[in-house]
Amino acid sequence: MTTVKEGNTVRIHYVGKLKDGTVFDSSEGGASLEMKLGQKEFIAGIEKAVIGMSIGEKKTVAIPAEEGYGPHSKEKVFEYDRGRLPEGFTPVVGQQMQMFRADGQPVQVTIKDFSDSAVTMDCNHPLAGKDLVFEITIEEIVSQ
C-alpha cells in the first residue's frame, strides 16, 4: 500500500478544532485541501501528521501551538493612534481588518480594545498560542 512521504502532493479533508471541541475550520462538504509536503505552506503539525498515512486513512492528531500557528507574541500587540484611522471608522472589539506595514505588505489585525485616543490591535494569527486538534483523512496522493 502506498503511503505519504515527504515531497508528495496530497489532498486531504480535515476538521480543525480547539482543545474544547470548538470547530474553527473544516473542509467537510467542500473541496479537499491540496498541499505539497515540505514547502512550509501549511502548519508543520499537519505536514508531520500525514507522513506515513495511506489513501482513505483517517487520523486525529493533537498539534501544539508551536507546530500550529506559533506562540502568541506580545510584540505583535500595539496601540494605534485613533486619529490615523479613516474618518467615521468605529472600532469594535474582535473586529478584524487589513492594514499595511511600512514596507507595503498587508497584515491582518484584530481590534482588542480602544479608547478616545488609541486602538489596541493584535497582528498575531487568531489561533496563535492555541493547541489544536485536527481530524485528517487522506483523499489522494496526487504526486510522489
C-alpha atoms as a PDB file:
ATOM      1  CA  MET A   1       0.000   0.000   0.000  1.00  0.00           C
ATOM      2  CA  THR A   2       1.328   3.442  -0.944  1.00  0.00           C
ATOM      3  CA  THR A   3       1.935   5.817   1.938  1.00  0.00           C
ATOM      4  CA  VAL A   4       2.505   9.560   2.059  1.00  0.00           C
ATOM      5  CA  LYS A   5       6.147  10.653   2.007  1.00  0.00           C
ATOM      6  CA  GLU A   6       7.975  13.986   2.295  1.00  0.00           C
ATOM      7  CA  GLY A   7       7.756  15.808  -1.060  1.00  0.00           C
ATOM      8  CA  ASN A   8       4.432  14.210  -2.076  1.00  0.00           C
ATOM      9  CA  THR A   9       1.474  16.316  -3.104  1.00  0.00           C
ATOM     10  CA  VAL A  10      -1.638  15.110  -1.283  1.00  0.00           C
ATOM     11  CA  ARG A  11      -5.309  16.001  -0.979  1.00  0.00           C
ATOM     12  CA  ILE A  12      -6.818  15.833   2.482  1.00  0.00           C
ATOM     13  CA  HIS A  13     -10.097  16.505   4.172  1.00  0.00           C
ATOM     14  CA  TYR A  14      -9.844  17.919   7.662  1.00  0.00           C
ATOM     15  CA  VAL A  15     -11.723  19.279  10.639  1.00  0.00           C
ATOM     16  CA  GLY A  16      -9.756  21.732  12.796  1.00  0.00           C
ATOM     17  CA  LYS A  17     -10.825  22.108  16.424  1.00  0.00           C
ATOM     18  CA  LEU A  18      -9.700  23.835  19.573  1.00  0.00           C
ATOM     19  CA  LYS A  19      -8.982  21.594  22.571  1.00  0.00           C
ATOM     20  CA  ASP A  20     -12.504  22.294  23.895  1.00  0.00           C
ATOM     21  CA  GLY A  21     -14.018  20.808  20.703  1.00  0.00           C
ATOM     22  CA  THR A  22     -14.960  24.113  19.033  1.00  0.00           C
ATOM     23  CA  VAL A  23     -14.592  23.718  15.250  1.00  0.00           C
ATOM     24  CA  PHE A  24     -12.673  26.638  13.702  1.00  0.00           C
ATOM     25  CA  ASP A  25     -12.257  25.283  10.149  1.00  0.00           C
ATOM     26  CA  SER A  26     -13.339  22.305   8.074  1.00  0.00           C
ATOM     27  CA  SER A  27     -13.254  21.025   4.512  1.00  0.00           C
ATOM     28  CA  GLU A  28     -16.262  18.751   5.130  1.00  0.00           C
ATOM     29  CA  GLY A  29     -18.911  19.265   2.486  1.00  0.00           C
ATOM     30  CA  GLY A  30     -16.439  21.161   0.313  1.00  0.00           C
ATOM     31  CA  ALA A  31     -13.290  20.738  -1.708  1.00  0.00           C
ATOM     32  CA  SER A  32     -10.333  18.909  -0.233  1.00  0.00           C
ATOM     33  CA  LEU A  33      -7.105  20.733   0.572  1.00  0.00           C
ATOM     34  CA  GLU A  34      -4.169  20.026  -1.741  1.00  0.00           C
ATOM     35  CA  MET A  35      -0.696  20.510  -0.347  1.00  0.00           C
ATOM     36  CA  LYS A  36       2.854  19.713  -1.396  1.00  0.00           C
ATOM     37  CA  LEU A  37       4.698  18.484   1.658  1.00  0.00           C
ATOM     38  CA  GLY A  38       7.961  20.148   2.598  1.00  0.00           C
ATOM     39  CA  GLN A  39       7.099  23.578   1.161  1.00  0.00           C
ATOM     40  CA  LYS A  40       6.217  25.035   4.589  1.00  0.00           C
ATOM     41  CA  GLU A  41       2.987  26.443   3.147  1.00  0.00           C
ATOM     42  CA  PHE A  42       0.855  24.709   5.775  1.00  0.00           C
ATOM     43  CA  ILE A  43       1.153  24.311   9.503  1.00  0.00           C
ATOM     44  CA  ALA A  44       4.006  21.993  10.413  1.00  0.00           C
ATOM     45  CA  GLY A  45       1.862  19.747  12.605  1.00  0.00           C
ATOM     46  CA  ILE A  46      -0.402  18.787   9.705  1.00  0.00           C
ATOM     47  CA  GLU A  47       2.522  18.118   7.377  1.00  0.00           C
ATOM     48  CA  LYS A  48       4.149  15.873  10.004  1.00  0.00           C
ATOM     49  CA  ALA A  49       0.859  14.093  10.734  1.00  0.00           C
ATOM     50  CA  VAL A  50       0.163  12.960   7.162  1.00  0.00           C
ATOM     51  CA  ILE A  51       3.596  11.347   6.634  1.00  0.00           C
ATOM     52  CA  GLY A  52       3.093   7.570   6.585  1.00  0.00           C
ATOM     53  CA  MET A  53      -0.689   7.737   6.087  1.00  0.00           C
ATOM     54  CA  SER A  54      -2.452   5.845   3.259  1.00  0.00           C
ATOM     55  CA  ILE A  55      -5.323   6.813   0.958  1.00  0.00           C
ATOM     56  CA  GLY A  56      -8.607   6.647   2.887  1.00  0.00           C
ATOM     57  CA  GLU A  57      -6.865   6.581   6.268  1.00  0.00           C
ATOM     58  CA  LYS A  58      -8.254   8.865   8.965  1.00  0.00           C
ATOM     59  CA  LYS A  59      -6.257  10.188  11.912  1.00  0.00           C
ATOM     60  CA  THR A  60      -6.881  12.570  14.804  1.00  0.00           C
ATOM     61  CA  VAL A  61      -3.793  14.487  15.839  1.00  0.00           C
ATOM     62  CA  ALA A  62      -3.107  16.997  18.619  1.00  0.00           C
ATOM     63  CA  ILE A  63      -0.949  19.862  17.389  1.00  0.00           C
ATOM     64  CA  PRO A  64       0.784  22.059  19.979  1.00  0.00           C
ATOM     65  CA  ALA A  65       0.796  25.807  19.327  1.00  0.00           C
ATOM     66  CA  GLU A  66       4.472  25.691  18.328  1.00  0.00           C
ATOM     67  CA  GLU A  67       3.635  23.356  15.398  1.00  0.00           C
ATOM     68  CA  GLY A  68       0.410  25.203  14.587  1.00  0.00           C
ATOM     69  CA  TYR A  69       0.222  28.964  14.305  1.00  0.00           C
ATOM     70  CA  GLY A  70       3.075  29.591  16.731  1.00  0.00           C
ATOM     71  CA  PRO A  71       3.109  31.204  20.157  1.00  0.00           C
ATOM     72  CA  HIS A  72       1.198  34.397  20.864  1.00  0.00           C
ATOM     73  CA  SER A  73       3.714  37.259  20.728  1.00  0.00           C
ATOM     74  CA  LYS A  74       3.193  40.339  22.914  1.00  0.00           C
ATOM     75  CA  GLU A  75       5.389  42.246  20.452  1.00  0.00           C
ATOM     76  CA  LYS A  76       2.632  41.905  17.841  1.00  0.00           C
ATOM     77  CA  VAL A  77       0.119  43.768  20.025  1.00  0.00           C
ATOM     78  CA  PHE A  78       0.311  47.541  19.632  1.00  0.00           C
ATOM     79  CA  GLU A  79      -1.551  50.797  20.107  1.00  0.00           C
ATOM     80  CA  TYR A  80      -2.535  52.771  17.019  1.00  0.00           C
ATOM     81  CA  ASP A  81      -3.388  56.462  17.132  1.00  0.00           C
ATOM     82  CA  ARG A  82      -7.137  56.672  16.585  1.00  0.00           C
ATOM     83  CA  GLY A  83      -6.664  59.919  14.647  1.00  0.00           C
ATOM     84  CA  ARG A  84      -4.889  57.933  11.913  1.00  0.00           C
ATOM     85  CA  LEU A  85      -7.969  55.775  11.267  1.00  0.00           C
ATOM     86  CA  PRO A  86     -10.361  56.657   8.428  1.00  0.00           C
ATOM     87  CA  GLU A  87     -12.871  59.367   9.317  1.00  0.00           C
ATOM     88  CA  GLY A  88     -16.088  57.879  10.651  1.00  0.00           C
ATOM     89  CA  PHE A  89     -14.493  54.499  11.446  1.00  0.00           C
ATOM     90  CA  THR A  90     -15.984  52.992  14.607  1.00  0.00           C
ATOM     91  CA  PRO A  91     -13.783  50.288  16.140  1.00  0.00           C
ATOM     92  CA  VAL A  92     -15.408  47.147  17.528  1.00  0.00           C
ATOM     93  CA  VAL A  93     -13.576  44.749  19.838  1.00  0.00           C
ATOM     94  CA  GLY A  94     -12.966  41.488  17.948  1.00  0.00           C
ATOM     95  CA  GLN A  95     -13.233  43.160  14.548  1.00  0.00           C
ATOM     96  CA  GLN A  96     -10.643  42.019  12.032  1.00  0.00           C
ATOM     97  CA  MET A  97      -9.243  44.299   9.390  1.00  0.00           C
ATOM     98  CA  GLN A  98      -6.359  44.537   6.963  1.00  0.00           C
ATOM     99  CA  MET A  99      -3.645  47.142   7.384  1.00  0.00           C
ATOM    100  CA  PHE A 100      -0.326  47.637   5.639  1.00  0.00           C
ATOM    101  CA  ARG A 101       3.144  47.514   7.153  1.00  0.00           C
ATOM    102  CA  ALA A 102       5.709  50.245   6.429  1.00  0.00           C
ATOM    103  CA  ASP A 103       7.118  48.026   3.622  1.00  0.00           C
ATOM    104  CA  GLY A 104       3.684  47.826   1.962  1.00  0.00           C
ATOM    105  CA  GLN A 105       2.968  44.209   2.949  1.00  0.00           C
ATOM    106  CA  PRO A 106      -0.613  43.563   4.125  1.00  0.00           C
ATOM    107  CA  VAL A 107      -1.210  42.345   7.667  1.00  0.00           C
ATOM    108  CA  GLN A 108      -4.426  41.121   9.307  1.00  0.00           C
ATOM    109  CA  VAL A 109      -5.143  42.721  12.688  1.00  0.00           C
ATOM    110  CA  THR A 110      -7.780  42.170  15.364  1.00  0.00           C
ATOM    111  CA  ILE A 111      -9.049  45.041  17.491  1.00  0.00           C
ATOM    112  CA  LYS A 112      -8.540  44.145  21.150  1.00  0.00           C
ATOM    113  CA  ASP A 113      -9.505  47.396  22.881  1.00  0.00           C
ATOM    114  CA  PHE A 114      -9.920  51.112  22.209  1.00  0.00           C
ATOM    115  CA  SER A 115     -10.126  54.468  23.924  1.00  0.00           C
ATOM    116  CA  ASP A 116     -10.816  58.004  22.715  1.00  0.00           C
ATOM    117  CA  SER A 117      -7.198  58.360  21.613  1.00  0.00           C
ATOM    118  CA  ALA A 118      -5.959  54.880  20.598  1.00  0.00           C
ATOM    119  CA  VAL A 119      -6.966  51.451  19.336  1.00  0.00           C
ATOM    120  CA  THR A 120      -5.157  48.355  20.644  1.00  0.00           C
ATOM    121  CA  MET A 121      -4.527  45.956  17.753  1.00  0.00           C
ATOM    122  CA  ASP A 122      -3.144  42.439  17.620  1.00  0.00           C
ATOM    123  CA  CYS A 123      -1.480  41.144  14.452  1.00  0.00           C
ATOM    124  CA  ASN A 124      -0.898  37.620  15.784  1.00  0.00           C
ATOM    125  CA  HIS A 125      -2.819  34.922  13.911  1.00  0.00           C
ATOM    126  CA  PRO A 126      -6.148  34.436  15.772  1.00  0.00           C
ATOM    127  CA  LEU A 127      -5.072  30.853  16.585  1.00  0.00           C
ATOM    128  CA  ALA A 128      -1.551  31.772  17.763  1.00  0.00           C
ATOM    129  CA  GLY A 129      -0.811  30.325  21.179  1.00  0.00           C
ATOM    130  CA  LYS A 130      -3.580  27.730  20.929  1.00  0.00           C
ATOM    131  CA  ASP A 131      -3.148  23.965  20.906  1.00  0.00           C
ATOM    132  CA  LEU A 132      -5.198  22.444  18.088  1.00  0.00           C
ATOM    133  CA  VAL A 133      -6.774  19.114  17.195  1.00  0.00           C
ATOM    134  CA  PHE A 134      -7.167  18.048  13.565  1.00  0.00           C
ATOM    135  CA  GLU A 135      -9.113  15.118  12.150  1.00  0.00           C
ATOM    136  CA  ILE A 136      -7.366  14.346   8.858  1.00  0.00           C
ATOM    137  CA  THR A 137      -8.373  11.966   6.054  1.00  0.00           C
ATOM    138  CA  ILE A 138      -6.092  11.279   3.092  1.00  0.00           C
ATOM    139  CA  GLU A 139      -8.204  11.596  -0.038  1.00  0.00           C
ATOM    140  CA  GLU A 140      -5.484  11.203  -2.665  1.00  0.00           C
ATOM    141  CA  ILE A 141      -1.751  11.097  -3.204  1.00  0.00           C
ATOM    142  CA  VAL A 142      -1.549  13.346  -6.266  1.00  0.00           C
ATOM    143  CA  SER A 143       2.171  13.007  -6.962  1.00  0.00           C
ATOM    144  CA  GLN A 144       5.063  11.181  -5.403  1.00  0.00           C
END
